[in-house]
């Protein structure tokens, strides 16, 4: 596996992209003016904060994986060695994606629209895992495996876009400003 492919695949497979909003703390006057958060607002905050925590964790994990495998890739001499390293790498990515699925599935949400958004995100993880499994099963890509891999990446990309759009829609519905985790003032 080429180091650029390793980095690109790490970014593609490990990138969560679930949370793009930066947290802010309400000012005392703003907090006093706010009413009790709605269930939608509470559930969105829970999901966004979990996504942000997972994104930070993923960045650390990505760096760890790159540091671990880039030297191995550079030292590999034969195709068999490269395939073995690729398989190790992808198995580690799959394990991490499975861990992410468990973490997100464990988030307690009561608002159906937010639960659906979380479930869509879990589907992106499933698609990422499926893409990695295709590569493991076909260390020497065939026309069919390339097609299946591309289909999974497209599916994952489309699901990620749907999650991002769904999050934005729910944030607007909850009265959150874009990029801010507090309700709009009236």
N, C-alpha and C. Protein backbone atom coordinates (compact mmCIF):
# COMPACT_ATOMS: atom_id res chain seq x y z
N UNK A 1 0.85 -1.17 0.00
CA UNK A 1 0.00 0.00 0.00
C UNK A 1 0.89 1.23 0.00
N UNK A 2 0.60 2.17 -0.85
CA UNK A 2 1.35 3.39 -0.98
C UNK A 2 1.01 4.33 0.18
N UNK A 3 1.98 5.05 0.75
CA UNK A 3 1.68 5.93 1.88
C UNK A 3 0.57 6.94 1.60
N UNK A 4 0.49 7.47 0.38
CA UNK A 4 -0.59 8.42 0.06
C UNK A 4 -1.93 7.72 0.13
N UNK A 5 -1.98 6.49 -0.31
CA UNK A 5 -3.22 5.72 -0.24
C UNK A 5 -3.57 5.48 1.22
N UNK A 6 -2.57 5.18 2.03
CA UNK A 6 -2.79 4.97 3.45
C UNK A 6 -3.43 6.21 4.06
N UNK A 7 -2.86 7.38 3.78
CA UNK A 7 -3.39 8.61 4.34
C UNK A 7 -4.79 8.88 3.81
N UNK A 8 -4.99 8.73 2.52
CA UNK A 8 -6.30 8.98 1.93
C UNK A 8 -7.34 8.02 2.48
N UNK A 9 -6.95 6.75 2.59
CA UNK A 9 -7.89 5.77 3.10
C UNK A 9 -8.16 6.01 4.58
N UNK A 10 -7.14 6.39 5.32
CA UNK A 10 -7.35 6.71 6.73
C UNK A 10 -8.34 7.85 6.86
N UNK A 11 -8.15 8.89 6.07
CA UNK A 11 -9.07 10.02 6.11
C UNK A 11 -10.47 9.61 5.69
N UNK A 12 -10.54 8.82 4.62
CA UNK A 12 -11.85 8.42 4.12
C UNK A 12 -12.56 7.49 5.09
N UNK A 13 -11.82 6.57 5.68
CA UNK A 13 -12.45 5.55 6.51
C UNK A 13 -12.60 5.99 7.95
N UNK A 14 -11.67 6.77 8.47
CA UNK A 14 -11.76 7.17 9.87
C UNK A 14 -12.47 8.49 10.08
N UNK A 15 -12.56 9.31 9.07
CA UNK A 15 -13.18 10.62 9.24
C UNK A 15 -14.64 10.51 9.63
N UNK A 16 -15.02 11.18 10.72
CA UNK A 16 -16.41 11.08 11.16
C UNK A 16 -17.26 12.15 10.53
N UNK A 17 -16.81 13.37 10.59
CA UNK A 17 -17.59 14.45 10.02
C UNK A 17 -18.96 14.62 10.63
N UNK A 18 -19.23 13.97 11.76
CA UNK A 18 -20.58 14.00 12.34
C UNK A 18 -20.92 15.36 12.91
N UNK A 19 -19.93 16.02 13.50
CA UNK A 19 -20.24 17.28 14.15
C UNK A 19 -19.40 18.38 13.52
N UNK A 20 -20.06 19.41 13.03
CA UNK A 20 -19.31 20.51 12.44
C UNK A 20 -19.58 21.81 13.16
N UNK A 21 -20.30 21.74 14.23
CA UNK A 21 -20.62 22.94 14.98
C UNK A 21 -19.66 23.10 16.14
N UNK A 22 -19.25 24.33 16.35
CA UNK A 22 -18.32 24.60 17.45
C UNK A 22 -19.13 24.96 18.70
N UNK A 23 -18.80 24.35 19.83
CA UNK A 23 -19.58 24.65 21.03
C UNK A 23 -19.29 26.07 21.53
N UNK A 24 -20.30 26.70 22.05
CA UNK A 24 -20.13 27.99 22.71
C UNK A 24 -20.94 27.93 23.99
N UNK A 25 -20.57 28.73 24.93
CA UNK A 25 -21.30 28.78 26.19
C UNK A 25 -22.19 30.00 26.18
N UNK A 26 -23.44 29.85 26.61
CA UNK A 26 -24.31 31.03 26.64
C UNK A 26 -23.82 32.01 27.68
N UNK A 27 -23.98 33.29 27.37
CA UNK A 27 -23.63 34.31 28.35
C UNK A 27 -24.71 34.32 29.42
N UNK A 28 -24.42 34.82 30.63
CA UNK A 28 -25.42 34.81 31.69
C UNK A 28 -26.73 35.49 31.28
N UNK A 29 -26.67 36.63 30.58
CA UNK A 29 -27.92 37.29 30.18
C UNK A 29 -28.66 36.44 29.17
N UNK A 30 -27.94 35.81 28.29
CA UNK A 30 -28.57 34.95 27.29
C UNK A 30 -29.18 33.73 27.97
N UNK A 31 -28.47 33.14 28.91
CA UNK A 31 -28.98 31.96 29.61
C UNK A 31 -30.25 32.31 30.38
N UNK A 32 -30.27 33.50 30.97
CA UNK A 32 -31.45 33.90 31.73
C UNK A 32 -32.65 34.10 30.80
N UNK A 33 -32.39 34.55 29.58
CA UNK A 33 -33.47 34.80 28.63
C UNK A 33 -33.99 33.51 27.99
N UNK A 34 -33.20 32.44 28.04
CA UNK A 34 -33.61 31.19 27.42
C UNK A 34 -34.64 30.47 28.27
N UNK A 35 -35.53 29.80 27.59
CA UNK A 35 -36.46 28.94 28.29
C UNK A 35 -35.83 27.57 28.41
N UNK A 36 -36.51 26.66 29.04
CA UNK A 36 -36.01 25.30 29.17
C UNK A 36 -35.82 24.70 27.77
N UNK A 37 -34.68 24.07 27.51
CA UNK A 37 -34.46 23.48 26.19
C UNK A 37 -35.51 22.42 25.87
N UNK A 38 -35.87 22.36 24.60
CA UNK A 38 -36.83 21.35 24.16
C UNK A 38 -36.14 19.99 24.11
N UNK A 39 -36.92 18.94 23.97
CA UNK A 39 -36.36 17.59 23.83
C UNK A 39 -35.48 17.54 22.58
N UNK A 40 -35.94 18.17 21.51
CA UNK A 40 -35.16 18.21 20.27
C UNK A 40 -33.81 18.88 20.53
N UNK A 41 -33.82 20.02 21.20
CA UNK A 41 -32.58 20.72 21.49
C UNK A 41 -31.66 19.88 22.37
N UNK A 42 -32.21 19.27 23.41
CA UNK A 42 -31.40 18.44 24.31
C UNK A 42 -30.79 17.26 23.56
N UNK A 43 -31.60 16.58 22.75
CA UNK A 43 -31.11 15.42 22.01
C UNK A 43 -30.05 15.82 20.98
N UNK A 44 -30.28 16.95 20.31
CA UNK A 44 -29.28 17.43 19.34
C UNK A 44 -27.96 17.76 20.04
N UNK A 45 -28.05 18.43 21.17
CA UNK A 45 -26.82 18.75 21.92
C UNK A 45 -26.09 17.48 22.32
N UNK A 46 -26.84 16.49 22.77
CA UNK A 46 -26.24 15.22 23.17
C UNK A 46 -25.53 14.58 21.98
N UNK A 47 -26.21 14.52 20.84
CA UNK A 47 -25.62 13.90 19.65
C UNK A 47 -24.42 14.69 19.12
N UNK A 48 -24.55 16.00 19.09
CA UNK A 48 -23.45 16.84 18.58
C UNK A 48 -22.23 16.73 19.49
N UNK A 49 -22.46 16.79 20.79
CA UNK A 49 -21.32 16.67 21.72
C UNK A 49 -20.65 15.30 21.60
N UNK A 50 -21.44 14.25 21.43
CA UNK A 50 -20.87 12.91 21.24
C UNK A 50 -20.09 12.87 19.93
N UNK A 51 -20.63 13.50 18.90
CA UNK A 51 -19.93 13.55 17.61
C UNK A 51 -18.62 14.31 17.71
N UNK A 52 -18.64 15.41 18.42
CA UNK A 52 -17.42 16.20 18.60
C UNK A 52 -16.37 15.42 19.38
N UNK A 53 -16.80 14.74 20.43
CA UNK A 53 -15.86 13.93 21.22
C UNK A 53 -15.27 12.81 20.36
N UNK A 54 -16.13 12.18 19.56
CA UNK A 54 -15.66 11.10 18.70
C UNK A 54 -14.73 11.64 17.62
N UNK A 55 -15.01 12.81 17.10
CA UNK A 55 -14.15 13.41 16.08
C UNK A 55 -12.76 13.69 16.65
N UNK A 56 -12.70 14.22 17.86
CA UNK A 56 -11.41 14.48 18.50
C UNK A 56 -10.67 13.18 18.74
N UNK A 57 -11.38 12.17 19.20
CA UNK A 57 -10.78 10.86 19.43
C UNK A 57 -10.29 10.25 18.11
N UNK A 58 -11.05 10.46 17.06
CA UNK A 58 -10.70 9.91 15.75
C UNK A 58 -9.43 10.55 15.21
N UNK A 59 -9.27 11.85 15.44
CA UNK A 59 -8.05 12.51 14.98
C UNK A 59 -6.82 11.92 15.66
N UNK A 60 -6.94 11.64 16.94
CA UNK A 60 -5.83 11.01 17.67
C UNK A 60 -5.58 9.60 17.11
N UNK A 61 -6.65 8.84 16.90
CA UNK A 61 -6.53 7.48 16.40
C UNK A 61 -5.94 7.48 14.99
N UNK A 62 -6.35 8.41 14.16
CA UNK A 62 -5.83 8.50 12.80
C UNK A 62 -4.33 8.74 12.82
N UNK A 63 -3.88 9.67 13.64
CA UNK A 63 -2.46 9.96 13.75
C UNK A 63 -1.70 8.72 14.26
N UNK A 64 -2.29 8.04 15.22
CA UNK A 64 -1.68 6.83 15.77
C UNK A 64 -1.53 5.75 14.68
N UNK A 65 -2.58 5.55 13.91
CA UNK A 65 -2.55 4.54 12.86
C UNK A 65 -1.53 4.91 11.77
N UNK A 66 -1.54 6.17 11.36
CA UNK A 66 -0.57 6.60 10.35
C UNK A 66 0.86 6.40 10.83
N UNK A 67 1.11 6.78 12.07
CA UNK A 67 2.45 6.63 12.65
C UNK A 67 2.85 5.15 12.69
N UNK A 68 1.90 4.31 12.97
CA UNK A 68 2.16 2.87 13.09
C UNK A 68 2.42 2.22 11.73
N UNK A 69 1.64 2.60 10.71
CA UNK A 69 1.70 1.87 9.44
C UNK A 69 2.55 2.50 8.36
N UNK A 70 2.76 3.79 8.37
CA UNK A 70 3.57 4.39 7.31
C UNK A 70 4.99 3.82 7.25
N UNK A 71 5.67 3.64 8.37
CA UNK A 71 7.00 3.03 8.29
C UNK A 71 6.95 1.59 7.77
N UNK A 72 5.92 0.86 8.17
CA UNK A 72 5.78 -0.52 7.71
C UNK A 72 5.59 -0.57 6.20
N UNK A 73 4.79 0.36 5.69
CA UNK A 73 4.55 0.41 4.24
C UNK A 73 5.84 0.74 3.51
N UNK A 74 6.59 1.68 4.05
CA UNK A 74 7.84 2.09 3.42
C UNK A 74 8.87 0.96 3.41
N UNK A 75 8.83 0.10 4.43
CA UNK A 75 9.79 -1.00 4.52
C UNK A 75 9.37 -2.24 3.74
N UNK A 76 8.11 -2.34 3.40
CA UNK A 76 7.61 -3.53 2.70
C UNK A 76 8.26 -3.62 1.33
N UNK A 77 8.74 -4.81 1.02
CA UNK A 77 9.44 -5.03 -0.25
C UNK A 77 8.58 -5.78 -1.27
N UNK A 78 7.82 -6.74 -0.78
CA UNK A 78 7.06 -7.59 -1.71
C UNK A 78 5.58 -7.23 -1.68
N UNK A 79 4.89 -7.67 -2.72
CA UNK A 79 3.45 -7.47 -2.76
C UNK A 79 2.77 -8.17 -1.59
N UNK A 80 3.27 -9.34 -1.22
CA UNK A 80 2.68 -10.09 -0.11
C UNK A 80 2.83 -9.32 1.20
N UNK A 81 3.99 -8.70 1.41
CA UNK A 81 4.20 -7.90 2.61
C UNK A 81 3.26 -6.69 2.62
N UNK A 82 3.13 -6.05 1.48
CA UNK A 82 2.24 -4.89 1.37
C UNK A 82 0.79 -5.29 1.63
N UNK A 83 0.39 -6.43 1.08
CA UNK A 83 -0.98 -6.91 1.28
C UNK A 83 -1.23 -7.24 2.75
N UNK A 84 -0.24 -7.83 3.41
CA UNK A 84 -0.39 -8.15 4.83
C UNK A 84 -0.52 -6.88 5.67
N UNK A 85 0.26 -5.87 5.36
CA UNK A 85 0.19 -4.60 6.08
C UNK A 85 -1.16 -3.94 5.82
N UNK A 86 -1.60 -3.97 4.58
CA UNK A 86 -2.90 -3.39 4.23
C UNK A 86 -4.01 -4.08 5.00
N UNK A 87 -3.95 -5.40 5.11
CA UNK A 87 -4.96 -6.15 5.85
C UNK A 87 -4.94 -5.79 7.33
N UNK A 88 -3.75 -5.70 7.91
CA UNK A 88 -3.64 -5.30 9.32
C UNK A 88 -4.24 -3.92 9.53
N UNK A 89 -3.87 -3.00 8.66
CA UNK A 89 -4.37 -1.64 8.73
C UNK A 89 -5.90 -1.62 8.66
N UNK A 90 -6.44 -2.28 7.66
CA UNK A 90 -7.89 -2.27 7.47
C UNK A 90 -8.62 -2.97 8.60
N UNK A 91 -8.05 -4.03 9.14
CA UNK A 91 -8.67 -4.69 10.30
C UNK A 91 -8.71 -3.75 11.50
N UNK A 92 -7.68 -2.95 11.65
CA UNK A 92 -7.66 -1.97 12.74
C UNK A 92 -8.71 -0.88 12.50
N UNK A 93 -8.84 -0.46 11.25
CA UNK A 93 -9.85 0.54 10.90
C UNK A 93 -11.26 -0.02 11.15
N UNK A 94 -11.48 -1.27 10.75
CA UNK A 94 -12.78 -1.91 10.97
C UNK A 94 -13.09 -2.00 12.46
N UNK A 95 -12.10 -2.37 13.24
CA UNK A 95 -12.31 -2.45 14.69
C UNK A 95 -12.68 -1.09 15.26
N UNK A 96 -12.04 -0.04 14.79
CA UNK A 96 -12.34 1.29 15.29
C UNK A 96 -13.73 1.74 14.84
N UNK A 97 -14.07 1.46 13.59
CA UNK A 97 -15.41 1.81 13.10
C UNK A 97 -16.49 1.06 13.89
N UNK A 98 -16.22 -0.19 14.23
CA UNK A 98 -17.17 -0.97 15.02
C UNK A 98 -17.33 -0.37 16.42
N UNK A 99 -16.23 0.07 16.99
CA UNK A 99 -16.25 0.76 18.29
C UNK A 99 -17.11 2.03 18.19
N UNK A 100 -16.93 2.79 17.10
CA UNK A 100 -17.73 4.00 16.91
C UNK A 100 -19.21 3.66 16.82
N UNK A 101 -19.53 2.61 16.10
CA UNK A 101 -20.94 2.19 15.98
C UNK A 101 -21.53 1.91 17.36
N UNK A 102 -20.79 1.18 18.18
CA UNK A 102 -21.27 0.86 19.53
C UNK A 102 -21.47 2.13 20.35
N UNK A 103 -20.51 3.05 20.27
CA UNK A 103 -20.62 4.30 21.04
C UNK A 103 -21.84 5.10 20.62
N UNK A 104 -22.06 5.21 19.33
CA UNK A 104 -23.20 6.00 18.86
C UNK A 104 -24.52 5.28 19.12
N UNK A 105 -24.54 3.98 18.98
CA UNK A 105 -25.77 3.22 19.24
C UNK A 105 -26.16 3.33 20.71
N UNK A 106 -25.20 3.51 21.59
CA UNK A 106 -25.47 3.58 23.03
C UNK A 106 -26.01 4.94 23.48
N UNK A 107 -25.99 5.93 22.60
CA UNK A 107 -26.48 7.26 22.98
C UNK A 107 -27.99 7.19 23.14
N UNK A 108 -28.45 7.59 24.32
CA UNK A 108 -29.88 7.57 24.63
C UNK A 108 -30.53 8.84 24.07
N UNK A 109 -31.42 8.65 23.11
CA UNK A 109 -32.14 9.76 22.49
C UNK A 109 -33.63 9.45 22.52
N UNK A 110 -34.43 10.48 22.79
CA UNK A 110 -35.88 10.27 22.85
C UNK A 110 -36.61 10.92 21.68
N UNK A 111 -35.95 11.83 21.00
CA UNK A 111 -36.55 12.50 19.85
C UNK A 111 -36.33 11.63 18.60
N UNK A 112 -37.41 11.14 17.98
CA UNK A 112 -37.27 10.23 16.84
C UNK A 112 -36.43 10.78 15.68
N UNK A 113 -36.55 12.07 15.39
CA UNK A 113 -35.78 12.62 14.27
C UNK A 113 -34.28 12.61 14.57
N UNK A 114 -33.91 12.81 15.81
CA UNK A 114 -32.49 12.79 16.18
C UNK A 114 -32.01 11.33 16.21
N UNK A 115 -32.85 10.42 16.70
CA UNK A 115 -32.50 9.00 16.68
C UNK A 115 -32.29 8.51 15.25
N UNK A 116 -33.14 8.96 14.34
CA UNK A 116 -33.00 8.59 12.93
C UNK A 116 -31.70 9.13 12.35
N UNK A 117 -31.34 10.34 12.72
CA UNK A 117 -30.08 10.93 12.25
C UNK A 117 -28.89 10.11 12.76
N UNK A 118 -28.94 9.73 14.03
CA UNK A 118 -27.88 8.89 14.59
C UNK A 118 -27.80 7.57 13.85
N UNK A 119 -28.94 6.96 13.57
CA UNK A 119 -28.97 5.69 12.85
C UNK A 119 -28.42 5.83 11.44
N UNK A 120 -28.69 6.96 10.79
CA UNK A 120 -28.11 7.21 9.47
C UNK A 120 -26.60 7.28 9.57
N UNK A 121 -26.11 7.93 10.63
CA UNK A 121 -24.67 8.02 10.81
C UNK A 121 -24.07 6.62 11.00
N UNK A 122 -24.74 5.79 11.74
CA UNK A 122 -24.27 4.42 11.94
C UNK A 122 -24.22 3.69 10.61
N UNK A 123 -25.16 3.98 9.72
CA UNK A 123 -25.14 3.38 8.38
C UNK A 123 -23.90 3.81 7.60
N UNK A 124 -23.43 5.05 7.80
CA UNK A 124 -22.20 5.47 7.12
C UNK A 124 -21.03 4.63 7.62
N UNK A 125 -21.03 4.32 8.90
CA UNK A 125 -19.97 3.48 9.46
C UNK A 125 -20.04 2.07 8.86
N UNK A 126 -21.26 1.55 8.72
CA UNK A 126 -21.43 0.23 8.09
C UNK A 126 -20.90 0.23 6.67
N UNK A 127 -21.16 1.29 5.95
CA UNK A 127 -20.69 1.40 4.56
C UNK A 127 -19.17 1.49 4.51
N UNK A 128 -18.58 2.24 5.42
CA UNK A 128 -17.12 2.33 5.50
C UNK A 128 -16.51 0.96 5.79
N UNK A 129 -17.12 0.23 6.71
CA UNK A 129 -16.64 -1.11 7.05
C UNK A 129 -16.74 -2.03 5.85
N UNK A 130 -17.85 -1.96 5.14
CA UNK A 130 -18.03 -2.80 3.95
C UNK A 130 -16.97 -2.49 2.90
N UNK A 131 -16.63 -1.21 2.72
CA UNK A 131 -15.59 -0.83 1.76
C UNK A 131 -14.24 -1.43 2.16
N UNK A 132 -13.92 -1.36 3.44
CA UNK A 132 -12.66 -1.93 3.92
C UNK A 132 -12.64 -3.44 3.75
N UNK A 133 -13.77 -4.09 3.99
CA UNK A 133 -13.84 -5.54 3.83
C UNK A 133 -13.66 -5.96 2.38
N UNK A 134 -14.12 -5.15 1.45
CA UNK A 134 -13.91 -5.45 0.03
C UNK A 134 -12.42 -5.44 -0.29
N UNK A 135 -11.71 -4.46 0.24
CA UNK A 135 -10.27 -4.36 -0.02
C UNK A 135 -9.54 -5.55 0.62
N UNK A 136 -9.94 -5.94 1.82
CA UNK A 136 -9.32 -7.09 2.49
C UNK A 136 -9.54 -8.36 1.67
N UNK A 137 -10.75 -8.53 1.18
CA UNK A 137 -11.09 -9.74 0.42
C UNK A 137 -10.42 -9.76 -0.95
N UNK A 138 -10.01 -8.60 -1.44
CA UNK A 138 -9.40 -8.50 -2.77
C UNK A 138 -8.12 -7.68 -2.71
N UNK A 139 -7.05 -8.25 -2.13
CA UNK A 139 -5.82 -7.47 -2.01
C UNK A 139 -5.28 -7.03 -3.38
N UNK A 140 -5.54 -7.84 -4.39
CA UNK A 140 -5.21 -7.43 -5.76
C UNK A 140 -6.55 -7.09 -6.41
N UNK A 141 -6.81 -5.80 -6.56
CA UNK A 141 -8.12 -5.37 -7.06
C UNK A 141 -8.47 -5.96 -8.43
N UNK A 142 -9.71 -6.35 -8.54
CA UNK A 142 -10.27 -6.79 -9.81
C UNK A 142 -11.24 -5.72 -10.28
N UNK A 143 -11.69 -5.84 -11.50
CA UNK A 143 -12.67 -4.87 -12.00
C UNK A 143 -13.92 -4.88 -11.13
N UNK A 144 -14.34 -6.07 -10.73
CA UNK A 144 -15.54 -6.21 -9.89
C UNK A 144 -15.32 -5.62 -8.50
N UNK A 145 -14.16 -5.91 -7.90
CA UNK A 145 -13.91 -5.38 -6.55
C UNK A 145 -13.75 -3.86 -6.58
N UNK A 146 -13.15 -3.34 -7.64
CA UNK A 146 -13.03 -1.88 -7.76
C UNK A 146 -14.41 -1.24 -7.85
N UNK A 147 -15.29 -1.87 -8.61
CA UNK A 147 -16.65 -1.36 -8.77
C UNK A 147 -17.39 -1.39 -7.43
N UNK A 148 -17.29 -2.52 -6.72
CA UNK A 148 -17.96 -2.64 -5.42
C UNK A 148 -17.41 -1.64 -4.41
N UNK A 149 -16.09 -1.48 -4.42
CA UNK A 149 -15.45 -0.53 -3.51
C UNK A 149 -15.93 0.89 -3.82
N UNK A 150 -15.94 1.25 -5.09
CA UNK A 150 -16.40 2.59 -5.49
C UNK A 150 -17.86 2.80 -5.10
N UNK A 151 -18.68 1.76 -5.25
CA UNK A 151 -20.09 1.86 -4.86
C UNK A 151 -20.23 2.12 -3.36
N UNK A 152 -19.43 1.42 -2.55
CA UNK A 152 -19.48 1.62 -1.10
C UNK A 152 -19.02 3.01 -0.71
N UNK A 153 -17.95 3.50 -1.37
CA UNK A 153 -17.48 4.85 -1.06
C UNK A 153 -18.52 5.89 -1.45
N UNK A 154 -19.17 5.68 -2.60
CA UNK A 154 -20.23 6.60 -3.02
C UNK A 154 -21.39 6.56 -2.03
N UNK A 155 -21.76 5.34 -1.61
CA UNK A 155 -22.84 5.20 -0.64
C UNK A 155 -22.49 5.92 0.65
N UNK A 156 -21.27 5.72 1.12
CA UNK A 156 -20.82 6.36 2.35
C UNK A 156 -20.83 7.88 2.20
N UNK A 157 -20.35 8.36 1.07
CA UNK A 157 -20.32 9.81 0.82
C UNK A 157 -21.74 10.37 0.81
N UNK A 158 -22.66 9.68 0.14
CA UNK A 158 -24.05 10.14 0.08
C UNK A 158 -24.71 10.10 1.46
N UNK A 159 -24.43 9.05 2.24
CA UNK A 159 -24.98 8.97 3.59
C UNK A 159 -24.43 10.08 4.48
N UNK A 160 -23.13 10.36 4.34
CA UNK A 160 -22.51 11.42 5.12
C UNK A 160 -23.14 12.77 4.78
N UNK A 161 -23.37 13.00 3.50
CA UNK A 161 -24.02 14.24 3.07
C UNK A 161 -25.44 14.32 3.63
N UNK A 162 -26.17 13.21 3.60
CA UNK A 162 -27.52 13.18 4.14
C UNK A 162 -27.52 13.47 5.64
N UNK A 163 -26.54 12.92 6.36
CA UNK A 163 -26.44 13.18 7.80
C UNK A 163 -26.14 14.66 8.04
N UNK A 164 -25.20 15.20 7.29
CA UNK A 164 -24.86 16.62 7.47
C UNK A 164 -26.07 17.50 7.17
N UNK A 165 -26.77 17.22 6.08
CA UNK A 165 -27.96 18.00 5.74
C UNK A 165 -29.06 17.82 6.79
N UNK A 166 -29.23 16.59 7.26
CA UNK A 166 -30.23 16.33 8.30
C UNK A 166 -29.90 17.05 9.59
N UNK A 167 -28.63 17.07 9.94
CA UNK A 167 -28.20 17.78 11.15
C UNK A 167 -28.48 19.27 11.00
N UNK A 168 -28.16 19.82 9.86
CA UNK A 168 -28.40 21.24 9.63
C UNK A 168 -29.89 21.55 9.71
N UNK A 169 -30.72 20.70 9.11
CA UNK A 169 -32.17 20.90 9.15
C UNK A 169 -32.69 20.84 10.58
N UNK A 170 -32.25 19.85 11.34
CA UNK A 170 -32.70 19.73 12.73
C UNK A 170 -32.20 20.88 13.59
N UNK A 171 -31.00 21.35 13.30
CA UNK A 171 -30.47 22.49 14.05
C UNK A 171 -31.33 23.73 13.80
N UNK A 172 -31.73 23.93 12.55
CA UNK A 172 -32.60 25.07 12.25
C UNK A 172 -33.95 24.90 12.94
N UNK A 173 -34.49 23.69 12.87
CA UNK A 173 -35.78 23.41 13.50
C UNK A 173 -35.72 23.66 15.01
N UNK A 174 -34.57 23.33 15.61
CA UNK A 174 -34.40 23.52 17.06
C UNK A 174 -34.09 24.96 17.42
N UNK A 175 -33.84 25.80 16.41
CA UNK A 175 -33.53 27.20 16.67
C UNK A 175 -32.07 27.47 16.94
N UNK A 176 -31.20 26.53 16.55
CA UNK A 176 -29.77 26.75 16.73
C UNK A 176 -29.24 27.55 15.55
N UNK A 177 -28.33 28.46 15.86
CA UNK A 177 -27.64 29.17 14.80
C UNK A 177 -26.65 28.21 14.17
N UNK A 178 -26.37 28.42 12.92
CA UNK A 178 -25.36 27.59 12.26
C UNK A 178 -24.02 27.81 12.97
N UNK A 179 -23.33 26.74 13.24
CA UNK A 179 -22.02 26.76 13.91
C UNK A 179 -22.10 27.13 15.39
N UNK A 180 -23.28 27.25 15.96
CA UNK A 180 -23.41 27.61 17.36
C UNK A 180 -24.37 26.64 18.03
N UNK A 181 -24.05 26.23 19.23
CA UNK A 181 -24.88 25.25 19.93
C UNK A 181 -25.78 25.89 20.98
N UNK A 182 -26.42 26.97 20.63
CA UNK A 182 -27.39 27.55 21.54
C UNK A 182 -28.56 28.10 20.71
N UNK A 183 -29.76 28.11 21.27
CA UNK A 183 -30.91 28.59 20.51
C UNK A 183 -30.75 30.06 20.12
N UNK A 184 -31.34 30.41 18.97
CA UNK A 184 -31.32 31.81 18.52
C UNK A 184 -32.13 32.66 19.51
N UNK A 185 -31.68 33.90 19.66
CA UNK A 185 -32.48 34.83 20.47
C UNK A 185 -33.53 35.45 19.58
N UNK A 186 -34.61 35.83 20.19
CA UNK A 186 -35.70 36.41 19.40
C UNK A 186 -35.77 37.89 19.58
